[in-house]
PDB file of all heavy atoms in Angstrom:
ATOM      1  N   LEU A   1     193.266  78.341 -77.804  1.00  0.00           N
ATOM      2  CA  LEU A   1     193.605  77.160 -78.715  1.00  0.00           C
ATOM      3  C   LEU A   1     193.478  77.514 -80.193  1.00  0.00           C
ATOM      4  O   LEU A   1     194.338  77.158 -80.975  1.00  0.00           O
ATOM      5  CB  LEU A   1     192.596  76.014 -78.341  1.00  0.00           C
ATOM      6  CG  LEU A   1     192.781  75.403 -76.925  1.00  0.00           C
ATOM      7  CD1 LEU A   1     191.696  74.492 -76.643  1.00  0.00           C
ATOM      8  CD2 LEU A   1     194.128  74.561 -76.817  1.00  0.00           C
ATOM      9  N   ALA A   2     192.472  78.235 -80.568  1.00  0.00           N
ATOM     10  CA  ALA A   2     192.126  78.678 -81.874  1.00  0.00           C
ATOM     11  C   ALA A   2     193.259  79.530 -82.437  1.00  0.00           C
ATOM     12  O   ALA A   2     193.494  79.581 -83.624  1.00  0.00           O
ATOM     13  CB  ALA A   2     190.827  79.311 -81.906  1.00  0.00           C
ATOM     14  N   LEU A   3     193.835  80.424 -81.566  1.00  0.00           N
ATOM     15  CA  LEU A   3     194.906  81.290 -82.028  1.00  0.00           C
ATOM     16  C   LEU A   3     196.288  80.775 -81.927  1.00  0.00           C
ATOM     17  O   LEU A   3     197.280  81.398 -82.182  1.00  0.00           O
ATOM     18  CB  LEU A   3     194.752  82.630 -81.418  1.00  0.00           C
ATOM     19  CG  LEU A   3     193.453  83.449 -81.565  1.00  0.00           C
ATOM     20  CD1 LEU A   3     193.503  84.743 -80.924  1.00  0.00           C
ATOM     21  CD2 LEU A   3     193.193  83.595 -83.195  1.00  0.00           C
ATOM     22  N   ALA A   4     196.408  79.505 -81.380  1.00  0.00           N
ATOM     23  CA  ALA A   4     197.677  78.870 -81.052  1.00  0.00           C
ATOM     24  C   ALA A   4     198.489  79.870 -80.159  1.00  0.00           C
ATOM     25  O   ALA A   4     199.601  80.220 -80.458  1.00  0.00           O
ATOM     26  CB  ALA A   4     198.487  78.509 -82.295  1.00  0.00           C
ATOM     27  N   GLY A   5     197.701  80.344 -79.154  1.00  0.00           N
ATOM     28  CA  GLY A   5     198.380  81.419 -78.252  1.00  0.00           C
ATOM     29  C   GLY A   5     199.464  80.799 -77.497  1.00  0.00           C
ATOM     30  O   GLY A   5     199.696  79.621 -77.345  1.00  0.00           O
ATOM     31  N   SER A   6     200.093  81.726 -76.681  1.00  0.00           N
ATOM     32  CA  SER A   6     201.329  81.387 -75.808  1.00  0.00           C
ATOM     33  C   SER A   6     200.954  80.329 -74.812  1.00  0.00           C
ATOM     34  O   SER A   6     199.707  80.473 -74.159  1.00  0.00           O
ATOM     35  CB  SER A   6     201.819  82.620 -75.172  1.00  0.00           C
ATOM     36  OG  SER A   6     202.700  82.277 -74.115  1.00  0.00           O
ATOM     37  N   THR A   7     201.650  79.321 -74.546  1.00  0.00           N
ATOM     38  CA  THR A   7     201.511  78.286 -73.502  1.00  0.00           C
ATOM     39  C   THR A   7     201.348  79.041 -72.116  1.00  0.00           C
ATOM     40  O   THR A   7     200.812  78.388 -71.127  1.00  0.00           O
ATOM     41  CB  THR A   7     202.466  77.310 -73.392  1.00  0.00           C
ATOM     42  OG1 THR A   7     203.911  77.959 -73.459  1.00  0.00           O
ATOM     43  CG2 THR A   7     202.465  76.457 -74.677  1.00  0.00           C
ATOM     44  N   ASN A   8     201.921  80.225 -71.907  1.00  0.00           N
ATOM     45  CA  ASN A   8     201.850  80.947 -70.673  1.00  0.00           C
ATOM     46  C   ASN A   8     200.334  81.195 -70.339  1.00  0.00           C
ATOM     47  O   ASN A   8     200.089  81.407 -69.120  1.00  0.00           O
ATOM     48  CB  ASN A   8     202.623  82.142 -70.723  1.00  0.00           C
ATOM     49  CG  ASN A   8     204.164  81.834 -70.535  1.00  0.00           C
ATOM     50  OD1 ASN A   8     204.572  80.968 -69.851  1.00  0.00           O
ATOM     51  ND2 ASN A   8     204.933  82.607 -71.301  1.00  0.00           N
ATOM     52  N   ALA A   9     199.500  81.370 -71.344  1.00  0.00           N
ATOM     53  CA  ALA A   9     198.115  81.541 -71.065  1.00  0.00           C
ATOM     54  C   ALA A   9     197.477  80.566 -70.257  1.00  0.00           C
ATOM     55  O   ALA A   9     196.501  80.765 -69.482  1.00  0.00           O
ATOM     56  CB  ALA A   9     197.306  81.687 -72.363  1.00  0.00           C
ATOM     57  N   VAL A  10     197.984  79.318 -70.341  1.00  0.00           N
ATOM     58  CA  VAL A  10     197.432  78.251 -69.468  1.00  0.00           C
ATOM     59  C   VAL A  10     197.554  78.621 -68.061  1.00  0.00           C
ATOM     60  O   VAL A  10     196.619  78.427 -67.130  1.00  0.00           O
ATOM     61  CB  VAL A  10     198.216  76.945 -69.817  1.00  0.00           C
ATOM     62  CG1 VAL A  10     197.624  75.838 -68.876  1.00  0.00           C
ATOM     63  CG2 VAL A  10     197.999  76.489 -71.292  1.00  0.00           C
ATOM     64  N   LEU A  11     198.811  79.073 -67.605  1.00  0.00           N
ATOM     65  CA  LEU A  11     198.987  79.314 -66.275  1.00  0.00           C
ATOM     66  C   LEU A  11     198.127  80.476 -65.837  1.00  0.00           C
ATOM     67  O   LEU A  11     197.580  80.393 -64.634  1.00  0.00           O
ATOM     68  CB  LEU A  11     200.425  79.876 -66.063  1.00  0.00           C
ATOM     69  CG  LEU A  11     201.691  78.873 -66.369  1.00  0.00           C
ATOM     70  CD1 LEU A  11     202.937  79.616 -66.176  1.00  0.00           C
ATOM     71  CD2 LEU A  11     201.649  77.695 -65.391  1.00  0.00           C
ATOM     72  N   HIS A  12     197.911  81.476 -66.655  1.00  0.00           N
ATOM     73  CA  HIS A  12     197.101  82.587 -66.299  1.00  0.00           C
ATOM     74  C   HIS A  12     195.619  82.300 -66.152  1.00  0.00           C
ATOM     75  O   HIS A  12     194.856  82.860 -65.301  1.00  0.00           O
ATOM     76  CB  HIS A  12     197.408  83.784 -67.170  1.00  0.00           C
ATOM     77  CG  HIS A  12     198.888  84.220 -67.282  1.00  0.00           C
ATOM     78  ND1 HIS A  12     199.558  84.256 -66.141  1.00  0.00           N
ATOM     79  CD2 HIS A  12     199.665  84.536 -68.263  1.00  0.00           C
ATOM     80  CE1 HIS A  12     200.838  84.633 -66.383  1.00  0.00           C
ATOM     81  NE2 HIS A  12     200.859  84.771 -67.694  1.00  0.00           N
ATOM     82  N   LEU A  13     195.124  81.574 -67.171  1.00  0.00           N
ATOM     83  CA  LEU A  13     193.715  81.265 -67.076  1.00  0.00           C
ATOM     84  C   LEU A  13     193.388  80.364 -65.908  1.00  0.00           C
ATOM     85  O   LEU A  13     192.340  80.473 -65.256  1.00  0.00           O
ATOM     86  CB  LEU A  13     193.362  80.439 -68.429  1.00  0.00           C
ATOM     87  CG  LEU A  13     193.171  81.324 -69.589  1.00  0.00           C
ATOM     88  CD1 LEU A  13     193.139  80.561 -70.822  1.00  0.00           C
ATOM     89  CD2 LEU A  13     191.942  82.262 -69.471  1.00  0.00           C
ATOM     90  N   LEU A  14     194.255  79.415 -65.499  1.00  0.00           N
ATOM     91  CA  LEU A  14     194.089  78.618 -64.337  1.00  0.00           C
ATOM     92  C   LEU A  14     194.092  79.403 -63.053  1.00  0.00           C
ATOM     93  O   LEU A  14     193.324  79.279 -62.156  1.00  0.00           O
ATOM     94  CB  LEU A  14     195.195  77.505 -64.209  1.00  0.00           C
ATOM     95  CG  LEU A  14     195.142  76.465 -65.232  1.00  0.00           C
ATOM     96  CD1 LEU A  14     196.529  75.616 -65.143  1.00  0.00           C
ATOM     97  CD2 LEU A  14     193.967  75.471 -65.020  1.00  0.00           C
ATOM     98  N   SER A  15     195.004  80.587 -63.061  1.00  0.00           N
ATOM     99  CA  SER A  15     195.050  81.403 -61.978  1.00  0.00           C
ATOM    100  C   SER A  15     193.873  82.322 -61.892  1.00  0.00           C
ATOM    101  O   SER A  15     193.365  82.571 -60.723  1.00  0.00           O
ATOM    102  CB  SER A  15     196.344  82.189 -62.028  1.00  0.00           C
ATOM    103  OG  SER A  15     197.461  81.483 -62.000  1.00  0.00           O
ATOM    104  N   PHE A  16     193.277  82.758 -62.892  1.00  0.00           N
ATOM    105  CA  PHE A  16     191.996  83.602 -62.894  1.00  0.00           C
ATOM    106  C   PHE A  16     190.947  82.743 -62.290  1.00  0.00           C
ATOM    107  O   PHE A  16     190.108  83.198 -61.437  1.00  0.00           O
ATOM    108  CB  PHE A  16     191.496  83.974 -64.382  1.00  0.00           C
ATOM    109  CG  PHE A  16     192.480  84.992 -65.055  1.00  0.00           C
ATOM    110  CD1 PHE A  16     192.529  85.033 -66.472  1.00  0.00           C
ATOM    111  CD2 PHE A  16     193.489  85.582 -64.270  1.00  0.00           C
ATOM    112  CE1 PHE A  16     193.436  85.823 -67.136  1.00  0.00           C
ATOM    113  CE2 PHE A  16     194.346  86.491 -65.011  1.00  0.00           C
ATOM    114  CZ  PHE A  16     194.266  86.631 -66.432  1.00  0.00           C
ATOM    115  N   ALA A  17     190.845  81.448 -62.682  1.00  0.00           N
ATOM    116  CA  ALA A  17     189.757  80.620 -62.170  1.00  0.00           C
ATOM    117  C   ALA A  17     189.968  80.426 -60.729  1.00  0.00           C
ATOM    118  O   ALA A  17     188.947  80.459 -59.998  1.00  0.00           O
ATOM    119  CB  ALA A  17     189.855  79.248 -62.893  1.00  0.00           C
ATOM    120  N   ARG A  18     191.155  80.197 -60.277  1.00  0.00           N
ATOM    121  CA  ARG A  18     191.367  80.079 -58.862  1.00  0.00           C
ATOM    122  C   ARG A  18     190.923  81.316 -58.017  1.00  0.00           C
ATOM    123  O   ARG A  18     190.424  81.236 -56.916  1.00  0.00           O
ATOM    124  CB  ARG A  18     192.899  79.857 -58.521  1.00  0.00           C
ATOM    125  CG  ARG A  18     193.167  79.439 -57.053  1.00  0.00           C
ATOM    126  CD  ARG A  18     194.757  79.067 -57.004  1.00  0.00           C
ATOM    127  NE  ARG A  18     195.034  78.555 -55.730  1.00  0.00           N
ATOM    128  CZ  ARG A  18     194.777  77.320 -55.343  1.00  0.00           C
ATOM    129  NH1 ARG A  18     194.319  76.379 -56.208  1.00  0.00           N
ATOM    130  NH2 ARG A  18     195.217  76.893 -54.103  1.00  0.00           N
ATOM    131  N   GLU A  19     191.158  82.443 -58.583  1.00  0.00           N
ATOM    132  CA  GLU A  19     190.888  83.758 -57.847  1.00  0.00           C
ATOM    133  C   GLU A  19     189.322  83.973 -57.858  1.00  0.00           C
ATOM    134  O   GLU A  19     188.883  84.469 -56.803  1.00  0.00           O
ATOM    135  CB  GLU A  19     191.408  85.012 -58.529  1.00  0.00           C
ATOM    136  CG  GLU A  19     192.999  84.937 -58.455  1.00  0.00           C
ATOM    137  CD  GLU A  19     193.296  85.226 -56.944  1.00  0.00           C
ATOM    138  OE1 GLU A  19     192.615  85.922 -56.218  1.00  0.00           O
ATOM    139  OE2 GLU A  19     194.331  84.717 -56.572  1.00  0.00           O
ATOM    140  N   VAL A  20     188.693  83.488 -58.869  1.00  0.00           N
ATOM    141  CA  VAL A  20     187.185  83.755 -58.890  1.00  0.00           C
ATOM    142  C   VAL A  20     186.457  82.586 -58.231  1.00  0.00           C
ATOM    143  O   VAL A  20     185.203  82.660 -58.040  1.00  0.00           O
ATOM    144  CB  VAL A  20     186.564  84.112 -60.236  1.00  0.00           C
ATOM    145  CG1 VAL A  20     187.106  85.390 -60.695  1.00  0.00           C
ATOM    146  CG2 VAL A  20     186.806  83.012 -61.192  1.00  0.00           C
ATOM    147  N   GLY A  21     187.139  81.521 -57.990  1.00  0.00           N
ATOM    148  CA  GLY A  21     186.562  80.431 -57.289  1.00  0.00           C
ATOM    149  C   GLY A  21     185.645  79.496 -58.220  1.00  0.00           C
ATOM    150  O   GLY A  21     184.723  78.842 -57.712  1.00  0.00           O
ATOM    151  N   VAL A  22     186.186  79.313 -59.479  1.00  0.00           N
ATOM    152  CA  VAL A  22     185.452  78.394 -60.238  1.00  0.00           C
ATOM    153  C   VAL A  22     186.329  77.325 -60.781  1.00  0.00           C
ATOM    154  O   VAL A  22     187.574  77.412 -60.688  1.00  0.00           O
ATOM    155  CB  VAL A  22     184.829  79.115 -61.588  1.00  0.00           C
ATOM    156  CG1 VAL A  22     183.845  80.144 -61.099  1.00  0.00           C
ATOM    157  CG2 VAL A  22     185.880  79.562 -62.500  1.00  0.00           C
ATOM    158  N   GLU A  23     185.906  76.172 -61.276  1.00  0.00           N
ATOM    159  CA  GLU A  23     186.814  75.079 -61.600  1.00  0.00           C
ATOM    160  C   GLU A  23     187.227  75.256 -63.065  1.00  0.00           C
ATOM    161  O   GLU A  23     186.505  75.421 -63.945  1.00  0.00           O
ATOM    162  CB  GLU A  23     185.938  73.756 -61.452  1.00  0.00           C
ATOM    163  CG  GLU A  23     186.852  72.484 -61.846  1.00  0.00           C
ATOM    164  CD  GLU A  23     186.046  71.195 -61.712  1.00  0.00           C
ATOM    165  OE1 GLU A  23     184.902  71.272 -61.466  1.00  0.00           O
ATOM    166  OE2 GLU A  23     186.699  70.192 -61.762  1.00  0.00           O
ATOM    167  N   LEU A  24     188.514  75.090 -63.237  1.00  0.00           N
ATOM    168  CA  LEU A  24     189.221  75.080 -64.482  1.00  0.00           C
ATOM    169  C   LEU A  24     190.417  74.216 -64.274  1.00  0.00           C
ATOM    170  O   LEU A  24     191.299  74.511 -63.368  1.00  0.00           O
ATOM    171  CB  LEU A  24     189.498  76.365 -65.080  1.00  0.00           C
ATOM    172  CG  LEU A  24     190.013  76.413 -66.459  1.00  0.00           C
ATOM    173  CD1 LEU A  24     188.898  76.092 -67.479  1.00  0.00           C
ATOM    174  CD2 LEU A  24     190.749  77.824 -66.820  1.00  0.00           C
ATOM    175  N   THR A  25     190.619  73.195 -65.170  1.00  0.00           N
ATOM    176  CA  THR A  25     191.710  72.294 -64.869  1.00  0.00           C
ATOM    177  C   THR A  25     192.340  71.982 -66.315  1.00  0.00           C
ATOM    178  O   THR A  25     191.810  72.315 -67.414  1.00  0.00           O
ATOM    179  CB  THR A  25     191.425  70.978 -64.332  1.00  0.00           C
ATOM    180  OG1 THR A  25     190.622  70.171 -65.245  1.00  0.00           O
ATOM    181  CG2 THR A  25     190.501  71.137 -63.006  1.00  0.00           C
ATOM    182  N   LEU A  26     193.533  71.316 -66.299  1.00  0.00           N
ATOM    183  CA  LEU A  26     194.283  71.002 -67.565  1.00  0.00           C
ATOM    184  C   LEU A  26     193.274  69.984 -68.361  1.00  0.00           C
ATOM    185  O   LEU A  26     193.386  69.829 -69.603  1.00  0.00           O
ATOM    186  CB  LEU A  26     195.513  70.284 -67.259  1.00  0.00           C
ATOM    187  CG  LEU A  26     196.629  71.169 -66.838  1.00  0.00           C
ATOM    188  CD1 LEU A  26     197.956  70.445 -66.733  1.00  0.00           C
ATOM    189  CD2 LEU A  26     196.881  72.469 -67.688  1.00  0.00           C
ATOM    190  N   ASP A  27     192.452  69.354 -67.622  1.00  0.00           N
ATOM    191  CA  ASP A  27     191.468  68.304 -68.351  1.00  0.00           C
ATOM    192  C   ASP A  27     190.593  69.089 -69.300  1.00  0.00           C
ATOM    193  O   ASP A  27     190.282  68.649 -70.382  1.00  0.00           O
ATOM    194  CB  ASP A  27     190.594  67.697 -67.406  1.00  0.00           C
ATOM    195  CG  ASP A  27     191.334  66.555 -66.604  1.00  0.00           C
ATOM    196  OD1 ASP A  27     192.482  66.077 -67.061  1.00  0.00           O
ATOM    197  OD2 ASP A  27     190.941  66.191 -65.447  1.00  0.00           O
ATOM    198  N   ASP A  28     190.173  70.356 -68.898  1.00  0.00           N
ATOM    199  CA  ASP A  28     189.532  71.319 -69.835  1.00  0.00           C
ATOM    200  C   ASP A  28     190.253  71.690 -71.089  1.00  0.00           C
ATOM    201  O   ASP A  28     189.795  71.583 -72.179  1.00  0.00           O
ATOM    202  CB  ASP A  28     188.894  72.454 -69.071  1.00  0.00           C
ATOM    203  CG  ASP A  28     188.007  72.237 -68.036  1.00  0.00           C
ATOM    204  OD1 ASP A  28     187.006  71.613 -68.298  1.00  0.00           O
ATOM    205  OD2 ASP A  28     188.212  72.690 -66.809  1.00  0.00           O
TER     206      ASP A  28
END
């Protein structure tokens, strides 16, 4: 968010969370 990074980062961060088994959603 601070770097106005690529929107694709949203997909990838959500996928990392899914792989390690922690909660991360669009609400965050």
